[in-house]
Amino acid sequence: MIRIITLMDNSPGRAGTTAEHGLCFLVERDGRSLLFDTGGSGAFLDNARGLGAEPGAAEALVVSHGHYDHGGGVRALLDRTAFNGPLYTGGGFFDKKWADEEPAPRYLGVDFDGDFLLSRRIEHRTVTASGGDTAFMEALPGVFVVNGFPRLHTRERPNPRFVVDRDGRRTMDDFRDEVCLAIEVPGGIAAVLGCAHPGIMNMLDAVRKAFGKTVVAVFGGSHLVDADAERISSTVDYLGATSCSLAALGHCTGDAGKASLAARLPAYRPLAVGAEYRL
């Protein structure tokens, strides 16, 4: 059995829990578990306690990309629990990431580095695609970390607001470090996304092609918060035309995206802290 517990999201949910701008899931499969993202702080640990979840007992940690609202709780996880599993990321995870804002760029990256992981004896495993391909690595039996999402849907354009320091210069972030989970479930694949900066349609297409299976459920962020009405409509159409029977989306989906999903996609379920799903 697969169980996915929402330990952090932008939207408040279960009484006694706290919401923040961030995302965190505990993914359990047949008595084993991994943690996907850690929100923006250690608040997910307090939520976990109230929900009866034990993120410190997870066998692995996956951080979807190098933004603070997904990796901001890593230090708290290592300070406050006995977690000692590997960290999975995409290549380039530690490149310095910024929001190109006025009057000055705002740092968006994480507050730890490779030396910190070494000091805590945490193994860092990177999943890195090359040449336009999609790569994946098995973190738990039937649970894969996926990287490499060809940008085939032209409406899912990169946002020039997001920039990164790479190779001695600051440039638009292509989010080459972004990873998602692909979980083998009855009937196909369940995908767990962080922010879907490469585009949710691009990411789900890549997962489907890499595993040769239908995506039957999707969880996490869709980054429709900065999408125009045309892109939102195209995304809802795309999800409606697939075999996806559950689309539990939140975090960076935005009010307009949530409203369109709620109005037009029967499979949509709004994400909130404490929401739990069984597959």
C-alpha atoms as a PDB file:
ATOM      1  CA  MET A   1       0.000   0.000   0.000  1.00  0.00           C
ATOM      2  CA  ILE A   2       1.094   3.553  -0.762  1.00  0.00           C
ATOM      3  CA  ARG A   3       0.333   6.325   1.713  1.00  0.00           C
ATOM      4  CA  ILE A   4       1.195   9.976   1.060  1.00  0.00           C
ATOM      5  CA  ILE A   5       0.881  12.403   3.984  1.00  0.00           C
ATOM      6  CA  THR A   6       1.055  16.167   3.443  1.00  0.00           C
ATOM      7  CA  LEU A   7       3.300  17.534   6.194  1.00  0.00           C
ATOM      8  CA  MET A   8       3.509  21.051   4.726  1.00  0.00           C
ATOM      9  CA  ASP A   9       1.660  23.154   2.184  1.00  0.00           C
ATOM     10  CA  ASN A  10       0.673  26.794   1.749  1.00  0.00           C
ATOM     11  CA  SER A  11      -2.907  25.964   2.760  1.00  0.00           C
ATOM     12  CA  PRO A  12      -3.858  25.186   6.364  1.00  0.00           C
ATOM     13  CA  GLY A  13      -5.718  21.966   6.913  1.00  0.00           C
ATOM     14  CA  ARG A  14      -5.879  19.696   9.932  1.00  0.00           C
ATOM     15  CA  ALA A  15      -6.518  21.492  13.237  1.00  0.00           C
ATOM     16  CA  GLY A  16      -3.360  21.968  15.263  1.00  0.00           C
ATOM     17  CA  THR A  17      -1.067  22.109  12.231  1.00  0.00           C
ATOM     18  CA  THR A  18       0.756  25.091  10.732  1.00  0.00           C
ATOM     19  CA  ALA A  19       0.901  26.156   7.085  1.00  0.00           C
ATOM     20  CA  GLU A  20       3.744  28.044   5.413  1.00  0.00           C
ATOM     21  CA  HIS A  21       4.963  28.773   1.900  1.00  0.00           C
ATOM     22  CA  GLY A  22       6.470  25.366   1.267  1.00  0.00           C
ATOM     23  CA  LEU A  23       5.846  21.716   0.524  1.00  0.00           C
ATOM     24  CA  CYS A  24       6.612  18.438   2.279  1.00  0.00           C
ATOM     25  CA  PHE A  25       5.288  14.904   1.846  1.00  0.00           C
ATOM     26  CA  LEU A  26       5.995  11.710   3.725  1.00  0.00           C
ATOM     27  CA  VAL A  27       5.691   8.836   1.253  1.00  0.00           C
ATOM     28  CA  GLU A  28       5.165   5.367   2.718  1.00  0.00           C
ATOM     29  CA  ARG A  29       5.251   2.118   0.781  1.00  0.00           C
ATOM     30  CA  ASP A  30       4.845  -1.303   2.380  1.00  0.00           C
ATOM     31  CA  GLY A  31       6.209  -0.224   5.747  1.00  0.00           C
ATOM     32  CA  ARG A  32       9.118   1.822   4.359  1.00  0.00           C
ATOM     33  CA  SER A  33       9.197   5.577   3.836  1.00  0.00           C
ATOM     34  CA  LEU A  34      10.975   8.543   2.320  1.00  0.00           C
ATOM     35  CA  LEU A  35      10.596  12.277   2.776  1.00  0.00           C
ATOM     36  CA  PHE A  36       9.961  14.481  -0.257  1.00  0.00           C
ATOM     37  CA  ASP A  37      10.896  18.119   0.397  1.00  0.00           C
ATOM     38  CA  THR A  38      11.024  19.771   3.821  1.00  0.00           C
ATOM     39  CA  GLY A  39       9.080  23.012   3.462  1.00  0.00           C
ATOM     40  CA  GLY A  40      10.695  26.331   4.329  1.00  0.00           C
ATOM     41  CA  SER A  41      11.516  25.619   7.972  1.00  0.00           C
ATOM     42  CA  GLY A  42      11.289  22.959  10.652  1.00  0.00           C
ATOM     43  CA  ALA A  43       7.533  23.493  11.026  1.00  0.00           C
ATOM     44  CA  PHE A  44       6.843  20.287   9.093  1.00  0.00           C
ATOM     45  CA  LEU A  45       8.304  18.353  12.037  1.00  0.00           C
ATOM     46  CA  ASP A  46       5.743  19.874  14.397  1.00  0.00           C
ATOM     47  CA  ASN A  47       2.984  19.024  11.930  1.00  0.00           C
ATOM     48  CA  ALA A  48       4.302  15.473  11.669  1.00  0.00           C
ATOM     49  CA  ARG A  49       4.104  15.052  15.422  1.00  0.00           C
ATOM     50  CA  GLY A  50       0.470  16.156  15.424  1.00  0.00           C
ATOM     51  CA  LEU A  51      -0.313  13.843  12.515  1.00  0.00           C
ATOM     52  CA  GLY A  52       1.395  10.811  14.039  1.00  0.00           C
ATOM     53  CA  ALA A  53       4.033  10.704  11.289  1.00  0.00           C
ATOM     54  CA  GLU A  54       7.749  10.042  11.794  1.00  0.00           C
ATOM     55  CA  PRO A  55       9.882  11.788   9.148  1.00  0.00           C
ATOM     56  CA  GLY A  56      13.032  11.024  11.131  1.00  0.00           C
ATOM     57  CA  ALA A  57      12.458   7.322  10.472  1.00  0.00           C
ATOM     58  CA  ALA A  58      12.437   7.828   6.697  1.00  0.00           C
ATOM     59  CA  GLU A  59      15.081   5.875   4.784  1.00  0.00           C
ATOM     60  CA  ALA A  60      15.789   8.662   2.303  1.00  0.00           C
ATOM     61  CA  LEU A  61      15.233  12.361   1.669  1.00  0.00           C
ATOM     62  CA  VAL A  62      14.464  13.814  -1.754  1.00  0.00           C
ATOM     63  CA  VAL A  63      14.566  17.585  -2.290  1.00  0.00           C
ATOM     64  CA  SER A  64      12.924  18.553  -5.550  1.00  0.00           C
ATOM     65  CA  HIS A  65      15.096  21.599  -6.314  1.00  0.00           C
ATOM     66  CA  GLY A  66      17.340  24.111  -4.621  1.00  0.00           C
ATOM     67  CA  HIS A  67      14.770  26.643  -3.409  1.00  0.00           C
ATOM     68  CA  TYR A  68      14.338  27.492   0.269  1.00  0.00           C
ATOM     69  CA  ASP A  69      10.640  26.552   0.399  1.00  0.00           C
ATOM     70  CA  HIS A  70      11.529  22.949  -0.442  1.00  0.00           C
ATOM     71  CA  GLY A  71      14.892  22.507   1.282  1.00  0.00           C
ATOM     72  CA  GLY A  72      14.531  24.992   4.129  1.00  0.00           C
ATOM     73  CA  GLY A  73      13.810  22.306   6.709  1.00  0.00           C
ATOM     74  CA  VAL A  74      16.818  20.067   6.052  1.00  0.00           C
ATOM     75  CA  ARG A  75      18.862  21.489   8.921  1.00  0.00           C
ATOM     76  CA  ALA A  76      15.937  21.049  11.315  1.00  0.00           C
ATOM     77  CA  LEU A  77      15.459  17.455  10.156  1.00  0.00           C
ATOM     78  CA  LEU A  78      19.077  16.635  10.979  1.00  0.00           C
ATOM     79  CA  ASP A  79      19.128  18.658  14.206  1.00  0.00           C
ATOM     80  CA  ARG A  80      15.867  17.397  15.664  1.00  0.00           C
ATOM     81  CA  THR A  81      15.591  13.794  14.471  1.00  0.00           C
ATOM     82  CA  ALA A  82      17.787  10.730  14.029  1.00  0.00           C
ATOM     83  CA  PHE A  83      17.474  10.800  10.221  1.00  0.00           C
ATOM     84  CA  ASN A  84      20.637   9.431   8.613  1.00  0.00           C
ATOM     85  CA  GLY A  85      19.569   8.368   5.125  1.00  0.00           C
ATOM     86  CA  PRO A  86      20.861   9.674   1.800  1.00  0.00           C
ATOM     87  CA  LEU A  87      19.773  12.940   0.196  1.00  0.00           C
ATOM     88  CA  TYR A  88      18.687  12.698  -3.454  1.00  0.00           C
ATOM     89  CA  THR A  89      18.752  15.784  -5.684  1.00  0.00           C
ATOM     90  CA  GLY A  90      19.348  16.687  -9.275  1.00  0.00           C
ATOM     91  CA  GLY A  91      22.734  17.913 -10.466  1.00  0.00           C
ATOM     92  CA  GLY A  92      23.386  21.612  -9.849  1.00  0.00           C
ATOM     93  CA  PHE A  93      21.268  21.609  -6.702  1.00  0.00           C
ATOM     94  CA  PHE A  94      23.718  23.824  -4.809  1.00  0.00           C
ATOM     95  CA  ASP A  95      24.017  26.489  -7.523  1.00  0.00           C
ATOM     96  CA  LYS A  96      22.996  29.830  -5.995  1.00  0.00           C
ATOM     97  CA  LYS A  97      19.424  30.695  -6.954  1.00  0.00           C
ATOM     98  CA  TRP A  98      17.804  34.129  -6.931  1.00  0.00           C
ATOM     99  CA  ALA A  99      14.656  36.054  -7.755  1.00  0.00           C
ATOM    100  CA  ASP A 100      15.515  38.914 -10.122  1.00  0.00           C
ATOM    101  CA  GLU A 101      13.652  41.641  -8.243  1.00  0.00           C
ATOM    102  CA  GLU A 102      13.975  45.362  -7.597  1.00  0.00           C
ATOM    103  CA  PRO A 103      15.704  47.024  -5.880  1.00  0.00           C
ATOM    104  CA  ALA A 104      17.983  43.992  -5.493  1.00  0.00           C
ATOM    105  CA  PRO A 105      17.916  40.270  -6.272  1.00  0.00           C
ATOM    106  CA  ARG A 106      16.465  38.107  -3.485  1.00  0.00           C
ATOM    107  CA  TYR A 107      18.218  34.877  -2.518  1.00  0.00           C
ATOM    108  CA  LEU A 108      15.974  31.830  -2.979  1.00  0.00           C
ATOM    109  CA  GLY A 109      18.446  29.034  -2.362  1.00  0.00           C
ATOM    110  CA  VAL A 110      18.942  26.615   0.510  1.00  0.00           C
ATOM    111  CA  ASP A 111      20.910  27.328   3.696  1.00  0.00           C
ATOM    112  CA  PHE A 112      23.236  24.327   3.591  1.00  0.00           C
ATOM    113  CA  ASP A 113      25.891  22.927   1.275  1.00  0.00           C
ATOM    114  CA  GLY A 114      27.853  19.798   0.549  1.00  0.00           C
ATOM    115  CA  ASP A 115      30.268  20.411   3.416  1.00  0.00           C
ATOM    116  CA  PHE A 116      27.342  20.540   5.837  1.00  0.00           C
ATOM    117  CA  LEU A 117      26.119  17.173   4.569  1.00  0.00           C
ATOM    118  CA  LEU A 118      29.597  15.707   5.004  1.00  0.00           C
ATOM    119  CA  SER A 119      29.760  17.030   8.559  1.00  0.00           C
ATOM    120  CA  ARG A 120      26.498  15.210   9.314  1.00  0.00           C
ATOM    121  CA  ARG A 121      27.584  12.073   7.426  1.00  0.00           C
ATOM    122  CA  ILE A 122      24.709  12.369   4.978  1.00  0.00           C
ATOM    123  CA  GLU A 123      25.388  10.789   1.593  1.00  0.00           C
ATOM    124  CA  HIS A 124      24.442  13.032  -1.342  1.00  0.00           C
ATOM    125  CA  ARG A 125      23.196  11.132  -4.393  1.00  0.00           C
ATOM    126  CA  THR A 126      22.548  13.070  -7.600  1.00  0.00           C
ATOM    127  CA  VAL A 127      20.309  12.056 -10.467  1.00  0.00           C
ATOM    128  CA  THR A 128      21.466  13.843 -13.607  1.00  0.00           C
ATOM    129  CA  ALA A 129      20.067  13.464 -17.101  1.00  0.00           C
ATOM    130  CA  SER A 130      22.099  14.390 -20.169  1.00  0.00           C
ATOM    131  CA  GLY A 131      21.544  14.991 -23.842  1.00  0.00           C
ATOM    132  CA  GLY A 132      17.843  15.701 -23.523  1.00  0.00           C
ATOM    133  CA  ASP A 133      17.145  12.325 -21.944  1.00  0.00           C
ATOM    134  CA  THR A 134      15.353  11.460 -18.710  1.00  0.00           C
ATOM    135  CA  ALA A 135      17.259   9.693 -15.928  1.00  0.00           C
ATOM    136  CA  PHE A 136      15.980   7.988 -12.804  1.00  0.00           C
ATOM    137  CA  MET A 137      17.276   6.235  -9.695  1.00  0.00           C
ATOM    138  CA  GLU A 138      15.400   3.895  -7.365  1.00  0.00           C
ATOM    139  CA  ALA A 139      15.295   5.308  -3.813  1.00  0.00           C
ATOM    140  CA  LEU A 140      12.963   2.631  -2.418  1.00  0.00           C
ATOM    141  CA  PRO A 141      11.518  -0.425  -4.154  1.00  0.00           C
ATOM    142  CA  GLY A 142       9.120   0.935  -6.749  1.00  0.00           C
ATOM    143  CA  VAL A 143       9.853   4.587  -5.847  1.00  0.00           C
ATOM    144  CA  PHE A 144      12.097   6.432  -8.308  1.00  0.00           C
ATOM    145  CA  VAL A 145      13.739   9.866  -8.349  1.00  0.00           C
ATOM    146  CA  VAL A 146      13.461  11.330 -11.855  1.00  0.00           C
ATOM    147  CA  ASN A 147      15.454  14.110 -13.555  1.00  0.00           C
ATOM    148  CA  GLY A 148      15.443  15.499 -17.087  1.00  0.00           C
ATOM    149  CA  PHE A 149      12.250  16.932 -18.535  1.00  0.00           C
ATOM    150  CA  PRO A 150      12.432  17.983 -22.198  1.00  0.00           C
ATOM    151  CA  ARG A 151      10.512  21.214 -22.755  1.00  0.00           C
ATOM    152  CA  LEU A 152       8.086  20.133 -25.458  1.00  0.00           C
ATOM    153  CA  HIS A 153       5.003  22.121 -24.422  1.00  0.00           C
ATOM    154  CA  THR A 154       5.666  25.631 -25.728  1.00  0.00           C
ATOM    155  CA  ARG A 155       3.212  27.287 -23.341  1.00  0.00           C
ATOM    156  CA  GLU A 156       5.333  26.140 -20.388  1.00  0.00           C
ATOM    157  CA  ARG A 157       7.956  28.817 -20.860  1.00  0.00           C
ATOM    158  CA  PRO A 158      10.715  29.471 -18.304  1.00  0.00           C
ATOM    159  CA  ASN A 159      10.106  32.452 -16.042  1.00  0.00           C
ATOM    160  CA  PRO A 160      12.956  34.999 -16.442  1.00  0.00           C
ATOM    161  CA  ARG A 161      12.352  36.117 -12.848  1.00  0.00           C
ATOM    162  CA  PHE A 162      14.212  33.011 -11.655  1.00  0.00           C
ATOM    163  CA  VAL A 163      17.980  33.279 -12.123  1.00  0.00           C
ATOM    164  CA  VAL A 164      20.965  31.215 -11.031  1.00  0.00           C
ATOM    165  CA  ASP A 165      24.720  31.694 -10.601  1.00  0.00           C
ATOM    166  CA  ARG A 166      26.358  29.106 -12.813  1.00  0.00           C
ATOM    167  CA  ASP A 167      29.731  28.902 -14.588  1.00  0.00           C
ATOM    168  CA  GLY A 168      30.782  32.324 -13.330  1.00  0.00           C
ATOM    169  CA  ARG A 169      27.722  34.245 -14.473  1.00  0.00           C
ATOM    170  CA  ARG A 170      24.125  34.882 -13.526  1.00  0.00           C
ATOM    171  CA  THR A 171      21.616  33.540 -16.020  1.00  0.00           C
ATOM    172  CA  MET A 172      17.993  32.484 -16.292  1.00  0.00           C
ATOM    173  CA  ASP A 173      17.434  29.313 -14.290  1.00  0.00           C
ATOM    174  CA  ASP A 174      16.542  26.304 -16.435  1.00  0.00           C
ATOM    175  CA  PHE A 175      15.912  24.224 -13.290  1.00  0.00           C
ATOM    176  CA  ARG A 176      18.122  21.409 -14.498  1.00  0.00           C
ATOM    177  CA  ASP A 177      18.291  20.313 -10.848  1.00  0.00           C
ATOM    178  CA  GLU A 178      14.548  19.667 -10.537  1.00  0.00           C
ATOM    179  CA  VAL A 179      13.501  16.111  -9.737  1.00  0.00           C
ATOM    180  CA  CYS A 180      10.193  14.412  -9.059  1.00  0.00           C
ATOM    181  CA  LEU A 181       9.090  11.043  -7.745  1.00  0.00           C
ATOM    182  CA  ALA A 182       7.614   8.300  -9.897  1.00  0.00           C
ATOM    183  CA  ILE A 183       5.890   5.655  -7.780  1.00  0.00           C
ATOM    184  CA  GLU A 184       4.722   2.363  -9.238  1.00  0.00           C
ATOM    185  CA  VAL A 185       1.056   1.894  -8.306  1.00  0.00           C
ATOM    186  CA  PRO A 186      -1.744  -0.332  -9.604  1.00  0.00           C
ATOM    187  CA  GLY A 187      -2.592   0.838 -13.109  1.00  0.00           C
ATOM    188  CA  GLY A 188       0.483   2.970 -13.691  1.00  0.00           C
ATOM    189  CA  ILE A 189       2.566   5.685 -12.030  1.00  0.00           C
ATOM    190  CA  ALA A 190       1.864   8.251  -9.316  1.00  0.00           C
ATOM    191  CA  ALA A 191       3.999  11.371  -9.762  1.00  0.00           C
ATOM    192  CA  VAL A 192       5.008  13.624  -6.868  1.00  0.00           C
ATOM    193  CA  LEU A 193       6.173  17.084  -7.935  1.00  0.00           C
ATOM    194  CA  GLY A 194       7.786  19.917  -6.014  1.00  0.00           C
ATOM    195  CA  CYS A 195       7.162  23.098  -8.013  1.00  0.00           C
ATOM    196  CA  ALA A 196       7.116  21.758 -11.584  1.00  0.00           C
ATOM    197  CA  HIS A 197       9.301  24.639 -12.778  1.00  0.00           C
ATOM    198  CA  PRO A 198      10.052  22.735 -16.028  1.00  0.00           C
ATOM    199  CA  GLY A 199       6.261  22.564 -16.565  1.00  0.00           C
ATOM    200  CA  ILE A 200       3.833  20.013 -15.210  1.00  0.00           C
ATOM    201  CA  MET A 201       2.906  18.815 -18.706  1.00  0.00           C
ATOM    202  CA  ASN A 202       6.563  18.432 -19.679  1.00  0.00           C
ATOM    203  CA  MET A 203       7.296  16.551 -16.465  1.00  0.00           C
ATOM    204  CA  LEU A 204       4.372  14.148 -16.695  1.00  0.00           C
ATOM    205  CA  ASP A 205       5.137  13.461 -20.361  1.00  0.00           C
ATOM    206  CA  ALA A 206       8.753  12.637 -19.461  1.00  0.00           C
ATOM    207  CA  VAL A 207       7.682  10.305 -16.647  1.00  0.00           C
ATOM    208  CA  ARG A 208       5.211   8.509 -18.878  1.00  0.00           C
ATOM    209  CA  LYS A 209       7.798   8.059 -21.628  1.00  0.00           C
ATOM    210  CA  ALA A 210      10.590   6.955 -19.257  1.00  0.00           C
ATOM    211  CA  PHE A 211       8.506   4.275 -17.549  1.00  0.00           C
ATOM    212  CA  GLY A 212       6.188   3.328 -20.395  1.00  0.00           C
ATOM    213  CA  LYS A 213       3.205   3.612 -18.069  1.00  0.00           C
ATOM    214  CA  THR A 214       0.233   5.893 -17.612  1.00  0.00           C
ATOM    215  CA  VAL A 215       0.363   8.575 -14.923  1.00  0.00           C
ATOM    216  CA  VAL A 216      -2.745   7.851 -12.853  1.00  0.00           C
ATOM    217  CA  ALA A 217      -2.163  10.314  -9.989  1.00  0.00           C
ATOM    218  CA  VAL A 218      -0.196  13.507  -9.422  1.00  0.00           C
ATOM    219  CA  PHE A 219       0.617  15.321  -6.185  1.00  0.00           C
ATOM    220  CA  GLY A 220       2.357  18.574  -5.301  1.00  0.00           C
ATOM    221  CA  GLY A 221       2.982  21.927  -6.939  1.00  0.00           C
ATOM    222  CA  SER A 222       2.210  22.951 -10.504  1.00  0.00           C
ATOM    223  CA  HIS A 223       3.575  26.532 -10.549  1.00  0.00           C
ATOM    224  CA  LEU A 224       0.465  27.844 -12.240  1.00  0.00           C
ATOM    225  CA  VAL A 225       0.707  30.790  -9.852  1.00  0.00           C
ATOM    226  CA  ASP A 226       2.665  32.741 -12.483  1.00  0.00           C
ATOM    227  CA  ALA A 227       0.857  31.278 -15.528  1.00  0.00           C
ATOM    228  CA  ASP A 228      -1.473  33.213 -17.792  1.00  0.00           C
ATOM    229  CA  ALA A 229      -5.063  32.122 -18.421  1.00  0.00           C
ATOM    230  CA  GLU A 230      -4.114  30.304 -21.623  1.00  0.00           C
ATOM    231  CA  ARG A 231      -1.491  28.161 -19.923  1.00  0.00           C
ATOM    232  CA  ILE A 232      -3.807  27.377 -17.008  1.00  0.00           C
ATOM    233  CA  SER A 233      -6.530  26.299 -19.422  1.00  0.00           C
ATOM    234  CA  SER A 234      -4.090  24.151 -21.407  1.00  0.00           C
ATOM    235  CA  THR A 235      -2.888  22.446 -18.227  1.00  0.00           C
ATOM    236  CA  VAL A 236      -6.423  21.643 -17.093  1.00  0.00           C
ATOM    237  CA  ASP A 237      -7.236  20.329 -20.583  1.00  0.00           C
ATOM    238  CA  TYR A 238      -4.096  18.180 -20.509  1.00  0.00           C
ATOM    239  CA  LEU A 239      -4.894  16.651 -17.131  1.00  0.00           C
ATOM    240  CA  GLY A 240      -8.485  16.040 -18.177  1.00  0.00           C
ATOM    241  CA  ALA A 241      -7.380  14.210 -21.315  1.00  0.00           C
ATOM    242  CA  THR A 242      -5.101  11.803 -19.430  1.00  0.00           C
ATOM    243  CA  SER A 243      -5.948   8.791 -17.297  1.00  0.00           C
ATOM    244  CA  CYS A 244      -5.151  10.777 -14.152  1.00  0.00           C
ATOM    245  CA  SER A 245      -7.842   9.947 -11.594  1.00  0.00           C
ATOM    246  CA  LEU A 246      -6.363  12.053  -8.773  1.00  0.00           C
ATOM    247  CA  ALA A 247      -4.708  15.463  -9.047  1.00  0.00           C
ATOM    248  CA  ALA A 248      -3.909  16.686  -5.527  1.00  0.00           C
ATOM    249  CA  LEU A 249      -2.309  20.030  -6.337  1.00  0.00           C
ATOM    250  CA  GLY A 250      -1.419  23.003  -4.169  1.00  0.00           C
ATOM    251  CA  HIS A 251       1.612  24.981  -2.959  1.00  0.00           C
ATOM    252  CA  CYS A 252       2.518  27.121  -5.995  1.00  0.00           C
ATOM    253  CA  THR A 253      -0.639  26.360  -7.994  1.00  0.00           C
ATOM    254  CA  GLY A 254      -2.143  29.776  -7.195  1.00  0.00           C
ATOM    255  CA  ASP A 255      -5.717  30.932  -6.746  1.00  0.00           C
ATOM    256  CA  ALA A 256      -6.517  31.170 -10.465  1.00  0.00           C
ATOM    257  CA  GLY A 257      -5.102  27.715 -11.114  1.00  0.00           C
ATOM    258  CA  LYS A 258      -6.996  26.183  -8.213  1.00  0.00           C
ATOM    259  CA  ALA A 259     -10.251  27.812  -9.325  1.00  0.00           C
ATOM    260  CA  SER A 260      -9.900  26.493 -12.873  1.00  0.00           C
ATOM    261  CA  LEU A 261      -8.974  23.012 -11.664  1.00  0.00           C
ATOM    262  CA  ALA A 262     -11.913  22.938  -9.251  1.00  0.00           C
ATOM    263  CA  ALA A 263     -14.344  24.061 -11.939  1.00  0.00           C
ATOM    264  CA  ARG A 264     -13.207  21.807 -14.760  1.00  0.00           C
ATOM    265  CA  LEU A 265     -11.283  18.776 -13.460  1.00  0.00           C
ATOM    266  CA  PRO A 266     -13.249  16.184 -11.458  1.00  0.00           C
ATOM    267  CA  ALA A 267      -9.974  14.511 -10.409  1.00  0.00           C
ATOM    268  CA  TYR A 268      -8.753  17.661  -8.640  1.00  0.00           C
ATOM    269  CA  ARG A 269      -8.347  17.674  -4.876  1.00  0.00           C
ATOM    270  CA  PRO A 270      -7.008  20.805  -3.145  1.00  0.00           C
ATOM    271  CA  LEU A 271      -3.834  20.154  -1.204  1.00  0.00           C
ATOM    272  CA  ALA A 272      -3.620  21.187   2.465  1.00  0.00           C
ATOM    273  CA  VAL A 273      -1.553  20.357   5.531  1.00  0.00           C
ATOM    274  CA  GLY A 274      -2.650  17.009   6.917  1.00  0.00           C
ATOM    275  CA  ALA A 275      -4.227  15.745   3.697  1.00  0.00           C
ATOM    276  CA  GLU A 276      -3.570  12.022   3.325  1.00  0.00           C
ATOM    277  CA  TYR A 277      -3.888   9.791   0.284  1.00  0.00           C
ATOM    278  CA  ARG A 278      -3.824   6.005  -0.100  1.00  0.00           C
ATOM    279  CA  LEU A 279      -3.180   4.235  -3.386  1.00  0.00           C
END
